[in-house]
C-alpha cells in the first residue's frame, strides 16, 4: 500500500467516523490536478477490500463529475481496521 493509499484510507475513515462530508478529500486531489491518481487510489483500495463503491457510480466517471464516485464510496470493516492500525502506528512513531 502506498503512502497516498494510506492517507486516503485514513481520511475516509475519519470522515465516516465523524460523519463528515468526504468531498474535501476529492477537492484536495482536484486542486492538485491529480484526480486520475485519486481514482487509481480508490480502485486499489477497492481491490484490497478496504472500500466499496456501487458499480453504477463508476459509470459517471467518464461523464463527470468524479465526485459522484466520491459520494458513493463506503469504507469496509476491514478498511476501518487497517485505518485504525495506520493511525496507531503513526501515534507510536510520534511518541
N, C-alpha and C. Protein backbone atom coordinates (compact mmCIF):
# COMPACT_ATOMS: atom_id res chain seq x y z
N UNK A 1 0.86 -1.18 0.00
CA UNK A 1 0.00 0.00 0.00
C UNK A 1 0.90 1.24 0.00
N UNK A 2 0.61 2.18 -0.90
CA UNK A 2 1.42 3.39 -1.00
C UNK A 2 1.06 4.37 0.11
N UNK A 3 1.91 5.36 0.26
CA UNK A 3 1.66 6.42 1.26
C UNK A 3 0.34 7.12 0.96
N UNK A 4 0.09 7.39 -0.33
CA UNK A 4 -1.15 8.07 -0.72
C UNK A 4 -2.37 7.19 -0.43
N UNK A 5 -2.23 5.88 -0.67
CA UNK A 5 -3.33 4.96 -0.35
C UNK A 5 -3.68 5.06 1.13
N UNK A 6 -2.65 5.06 1.97
CA UNK A 6 -2.86 5.14 3.41
C UNK A 6 -3.52 6.46 3.80
N UNK A 7 -3.05 7.56 3.19
CA UNK A 7 -3.63 8.87 3.50
C UNK A 7 -5.11 8.93 3.14
N UNK A 8 -5.46 8.42 1.97
CA UNK A 8 -6.86 8.45 1.54
C UNK A 8 -7.70 7.55 2.44
N UNK A 9 -7.19 6.37 2.76
CA UNK A 9 -7.94 5.45 3.63
C UNK A 9 -8.18 6.08 5.00
N UNK A 10 -7.16 6.68 5.59
CA UNK A 10 -7.32 7.31 6.90
C UNK A 10 -8.27 8.50 6.81
N UNK A 11 -8.17 9.28 5.74
CA UNK A 11 -9.07 10.43 5.57
C UNK A 11 -10.52 9.95 5.44
N UNK A 12 -10.74 8.89 4.69
CA UNK A 12 -12.10 8.33 4.57
C UNK A 12 -12.58 7.82 5.92
N UNK A 13 -11.71 7.12 6.63
CA UNK A 13 -12.07 6.60 7.95
C UNK A 13 -12.51 7.73 8.88
N UNK A 14 -11.70 8.79 8.94
CA UNK A 14 -12.03 9.92 9.81
C UNK A 14 -13.33 10.58 9.38
N UNK A 15 -13.53 10.74 8.09
CA UNK A 15 -14.76 11.37 7.60
C UNK A 15 -15.98 10.55 8.00
N UNK A 16 -15.90 9.23 7.84
CA UNK A 16 -17.04 8.39 8.17
C UNK A 16 -17.27 8.31 9.68
N UNK A 17 -16.19 8.23 10.45
CA UNK A 17 -16.32 8.16 11.90
C UNK A 17 -16.92 9.44 12.48
N UNK A 18 -16.54 10.56 11.90
CA UNK A 18 -17.03 11.85 12.40
C UNK A 18 -18.26 12.34 11.64
N UNK A 19 -18.76 11.47 10.75
CA UNK A 19 -19.94 11.77 9.94
C UNK A 19 -19.78 13.11 9.21
N UNK A 20 -18.62 13.26 8.59
CA UNK A 20 -18.33 14.46 7.82
C UNK A 20 -18.39 14.15 6.33
N UNK A 21 -18.49 15.20 5.55
CA UNK A 21 -18.53 15.08 4.10
C UNK A 21 -17.17 14.60 3.58
N UNK A 22 -17.19 13.73 2.59
CA UNK A 22 -15.95 13.21 2.02
C UNK A 22 -15.45 14.03 0.84
N UNK A 23 -16.22 15.00 0.40
CA UNK A 23 -15.81 15.78 -0.76
C UNK A 23 -14.51 16.56 -0.58
N UNK A 24 -14.14 17.01 0.63
CA UNK A 24 -12.85 17.68 0.76
C UNK A 24 -11.67 16.81 0.32
N UNK A 25 -11.79 15.50 0.48
CA UNK A 25 -10.73 14.60 0.03
C UNK A 25 -10.61 14.69 -1.49
N UNK A 26 -11.74 14.60 -2.16
CA UNK A 26 -11.77 14.74 -3.62
C UNK A 26 -11.26 16.11 -4.04
N UNK A 27 -11.72 17.15 -3.36
CA UNK A 27 -11.34 18.52 -3.72
C UNK A 27 -9.83 18.74 -3.58
N UNK A 28 -9.22 18.10 -2.59
CA UNK A 28 -7.76 18.20 -2.43
C UNK A 28 -7.06 17.70 -3.70
N UNK A 29 -7.45 16.53 -4.17
CA UNK A 29 -6.83 15.98 -5.38
C UNK A 29 -7.18 16.82 -6.61
N UNK A 30 -8.38 17.38 -6.63
CA UNK A 30 -8.78 18.25 -7.74
C UNK A 30 -7.89 19.48 -7.79
N UNK A 31 -7.64 20.09 -6.65
CA UNK A 31 -6.78 21.28 -6.59
C UNK A 31 -5.35 20.96 -6.99
N UNK A 32 -4.90 19.76 -6.70
CA UNK A 32 -3.55 19.33 -7.06
C UNK A 32 -3.48 18.83 -8.50
N UNK A 33 -4.62 18.84 -9.18
CA UNK A 33 -4.75 18.31 -10.55
C UNK A 33 -4.30 16.85 -10.62
N UNK A 34 -4.73 16.08 -9.62
CA UNK A 34 -4.38 14.67 -9.54
C UNK A 34 -5.63 13.80 -9.39
N UNK A 35 -6.70 14.17 -10.05
CA UNK A 35 -7.95 13.42 -9.93
C UNK A 35 -7.76 11.99 -10.44
N UNK A 36 -7.02 11.82 -11.54
CA UNK A 36 -6.78 10.47 -12.06
C UNK A 36 -6.05 9.61 -11.04
N UNK A 37 -5.08 10.18 -10.35
CA UNK A 37 -4.36 9.45 -9.31
C UNK A 37 -5.31 9.08 -8.17
N UNK A 38 -6.19 9.99 -7.82
CA UNK A 38 -7.18 9.73 -6.78
C UNK A 38 -8.07 8.55 -7.16
N UNK A 39 -8.52 8.52 -8.40
CA UNK A 39 -9.36 7.40 -8.84
C UNK A 39 -8.58 6.09 -8.82
N UNK A 40 -7.31 6.14 -9.20
CA UNK A 40 -6.48 4.93 -9.13
C UNK A 40 -6.34 4.45 -7.68
N UNK A 41 -6.20 5.39 -6.76
CA UNK A 41 -6.12 5.03 -5.34
C UNK A 41 -7.41 4.36 -4.89
N UNK A 42 -8.55 4.94 -5.27
CA UNK A 42 -9.83 4.33 -4.89
C UNK A 42 -9.97 2.92 -5.47
N UNK A 43 -9.54 2.74 -6.70
CA UNK A 43 -9.61 1.42 -7.32
C UNK A 43 -8.72 0.44 -6.57
N UNK A 44 -7.50 0.86 -6.22
CA UNK A 44 -6.60 -0.03 -5.46
C UNK A 44 -7.21 -0.37 -4.10
N UNK A 45 -7.75 0.63 -3.41
CA UNK A 45 -8.36 0.38 -2.10
C UNK A 45 -9.55 -0.57 -2.23
N UNK A 46 -10.30 -0.43 -3.31
CA UNK A 46 -11.43 -1.33 -3.54
C UNK A 46 -10.93 -2.75 -3.82
N UNK A 47 -9.88 -2.88 -4.62
CA UNK A 47 -9.33 -4.20 -4.92
C UNK A 47 -8.79 -4.88 -3.67
N UNK A 48 -8.29 -4.09 -2.72
CA UNK A 48 -7.78 -4.65 -1.46
C UNK A 48 -8.91 -4.95 -0.48
N UNK A 49 -10.12 -4.52 -0.80
CA UNK A 49 -11.26 -4.78 0.07
C UNK A 49 -11.45 -3.76 1.17
N UNK A 50 -10.77 -2.61 1.08
CA UNK A 50 -10.86 -1.59 2.12
C UNK A 50 -12.01 -0.62 1.92
N UNK A 51 -12.45 -0.46 0.69
CA UNK A 51 -13.62 0.38 0.39
C UNK A 51 -14.48 -0.36 -0.62
N UNK A 52 -15.70 0.06 -0.71
CA UNK A 52 -16.60 -0.49 -1.72
C UNK A 52 -17.31 0.68 -2.39
N UNK A 53 -17.59 0.50 -3.66
CA UNK A 53 -18.28 1.52 -4.43
C UNK A 53 -19.31 0.82 -5.31
N UNK A 54 -20.57 1.25 -5.26
CA UNK A 54 -21.56 0.65 -6.15
C UNK A 54 -21.11 0.77 -7.60
N UNK A 55 -21.29 -0.29 -8.37
CA UNK A 55 -20.84 -0.31 -9.76
C UNK A 55 -21.39 0.85 -10.57
N UNK A 56 -22.64 1.21 -10.34
CA UNK A 56 -23.23 2.28 -11.15
C UNK A 56 -22.57 3.63 -10.90
N UNK A 57 -21.89 3.81 -9.78
CA UNK A 57 -21.21 5.08 -9.52
C UNK A 57 -20.06 5.29 -10.50
N UNK A 58 -19.41 4.20 -10.90
CA UNK A 58 -18.28 4.33 -11.81
C UNK A 58 -18.71 4.74 -13.21
N UNK A 59 -19.96 4.54 -13.56
CA UNK A 59 -20.41 4.93 -14.90
C UNK A 59 -20.37 6.43 -15.08
N UNK A 60 -20.39 7.18 -13.99
CA UNK A 60 -20.35 8.64 -14.08
C UNK A 60 -18.94 9.18 -14.29
N UNK A 61 -17.94 8.36 -14.10
CA UNK A 61 -16.56 8.83 -14.19
C UNK A 61 -16.27 9.41 -15.57
N UNK A 62 -16.76 8.76 -16.61
CA UNK A 62 -16.48 9.24 -17.96
C UNK A 62 -17.24 10.50 -18.31
N UNK A 63 -18.32 10.77 -17.61
CA UNK A 63 -19.13 11.94 -17.95
C UNK A 63 -19.01 13.05 -16.92
N UNK A 64 -18.19 12.84 -15.89
CA UNK A 64 -18.04 13.82 -14.82
C UNK A 64 -19.37 14.04 -14.11
N UNK A 65 -19.45 14.52 -12.92
CA UNK A 65 -18.29 14.84 -12.09
C UNK A 65 -17.76 13.61 -11.38
N UNK A 66 -16.47 13.60 -11.16
CA UNK A 66 -15.83 12.49 -10.44
C UNK A 66 -16.36 12.38 -9.02
N UNK A 67 -16.81 13.50 -8.48
CA UNK A 67 -17.23 13.46 -7.08
C UNK A 67 -18.49 12.64 -6.87
N UNK A 68 -19.16 12.22 -7.95
CA UNK A 68 -20.28 11.28 -7.80
C UNK A 68 -19.74 9.99 -7.23
N UNK A 69 -18.58 9.57 -7.71
CA UNK A 69 -17.93 8.36 -7.18
C UNK A 69 -17.58 8.57 -5.72
N UNK A 70 -17.05 9.75 -5.40
CA UNK A 70 -16.66 10.05 -4.01
C UNK A 70 -17.86 9.93 -3.09
N UNK A 71 -19.02 10.36 -3.53
CA UNK A 71 -20.22 10.30 -2.71
C UNK A 71 -20.65 8.87 -2.43
N UNK A 72 -20.28 7.96 -3.32
CA UNK A 72 -20.74 6.58 -3.22
C UNK A 72 -19.77 5.67 -2.46
N UNK A 73 -18.57 6.13 -2.22
CA UNK A 73 -17.55 5.29 -1.57
C UNK A 73 -17.95 4.99 -0.13
N UNK A 74 -17.80 3.73 0.25
CA UNK A 74 -18.09 3.29 1.61
C UNK A 74 -16.87 2.53 2.11
N UNK A 75 -16.41 2.86 3.30
CA UNK A 75 -15.27 2.15 3.88
C UNK A 75 -15.78 0.86 4.51
N UNK A 76 -15.08 -0.24 4.27
CA UNK A 76 -15.50 -1.54 4.80
C UNK A 76 -14.97 -1.73 6.22
N UNK A 77 -15.43 -2.78 6.86
CA UNK A 77 -14.96 -3.11 8.20
C UNK A 77 -13.44 -3.32 8.19
N UNK A 78 -12.97 -4.07 7.20
CA UNK A 78 -11.53 -4.31 7.10
C UNK A 78 -10.78 -2.99 6.86
N UNK A 79 -11.36 -2.10 6.05
CA UNK A 79 -10.76 -0.80 5.82
C UNK A 79 -10.64 0.01 7.09
N UNK A 80 -11.68 -0.07 7.93
CA UNK A 80 -11.65 0.63 9.22
C UNK A 80 -10.54 0.08 10.11
N UNK A 81 -10.40 -1.25 10.12
CA UNK A 81 -9.37 -1.88 10.95
C UNK A 81 -7.98 -1.44 10.50
N UNK A 82 -7.76 -1.42 9.20
CA UNK A 82 -6.45 -1.03 8.67
C UNK A 82 -6.19 0.44 8.96
N UNK A 83 -7.19 1.29 8.81
CA UNK A 83 -7.04 2.72 9.09
C UNK A 83 -6.69 2.94 10.56
N UNK A 84 -7.34 2.21 11.45
CA UNK A 84 -7.02 2.32 12.88
C UNK A 84 -5.57 1.91 13.15
N UNK A 85 -5.14 0.84 12.48
CA UNK A 85 -3.76 0.37 12.65
C UNK A 85 -2.77 1.43 12.16
N UNK A 86 -3.05 2.05 11.02
CA UNK A 86 -2.19 3.11 10.48
C UNK A 86 -2.11 4.27 11.46
N UNK A 87 -3.26 4.68 11.99
CA UNK A 87 -3.29 5.79 12.96
C UNK A 87 -2.52 5.44 14.23
N UNK A 88 -2.69 4.21 14.70
CA UNK A 88 -2.00 3.76 15.92
C UNK A 88 -0.48 3.77 15.69
N UNK A 89 -0.04 3.27 14.54
CA UNK A 89 1.39 3.27 14.23
C UNK A 89 1.94 4.69 14.13
N UNK A 90 1.16 5.59 13.55
CA UNK A 90 1.59 6.99 13.43
C UNK A 90 1.74 7.62 14.81
N UNK A 91 0.80 7.33 15.71
CA UNK A 91 0.88 7.86 17.07
C UNK A 91 2.10 7.32 17.80
N UNK A 92 2.37 6.02 17.61
CA UNK A 92 3.52 5.40 18.28
C UNK A 92 4.83 6.00 17.77
N UNK A 93 4.91 6.29 16.49
CA UNK A 93 6.12 6.90 15.92
C UNK A 93 6.32 8.32 16.42
N UNK A 94 5.22 9.03 16.66
CA UNK A 94 5.34 10.42 17.10
C UNK A 94 5.68 10.53 18.59
N UNK A 95 5.49 9.46 19.33
CA UNK A 95 5.81 9.48 20.78
C UNK A 95 7.24 9.18 21.04
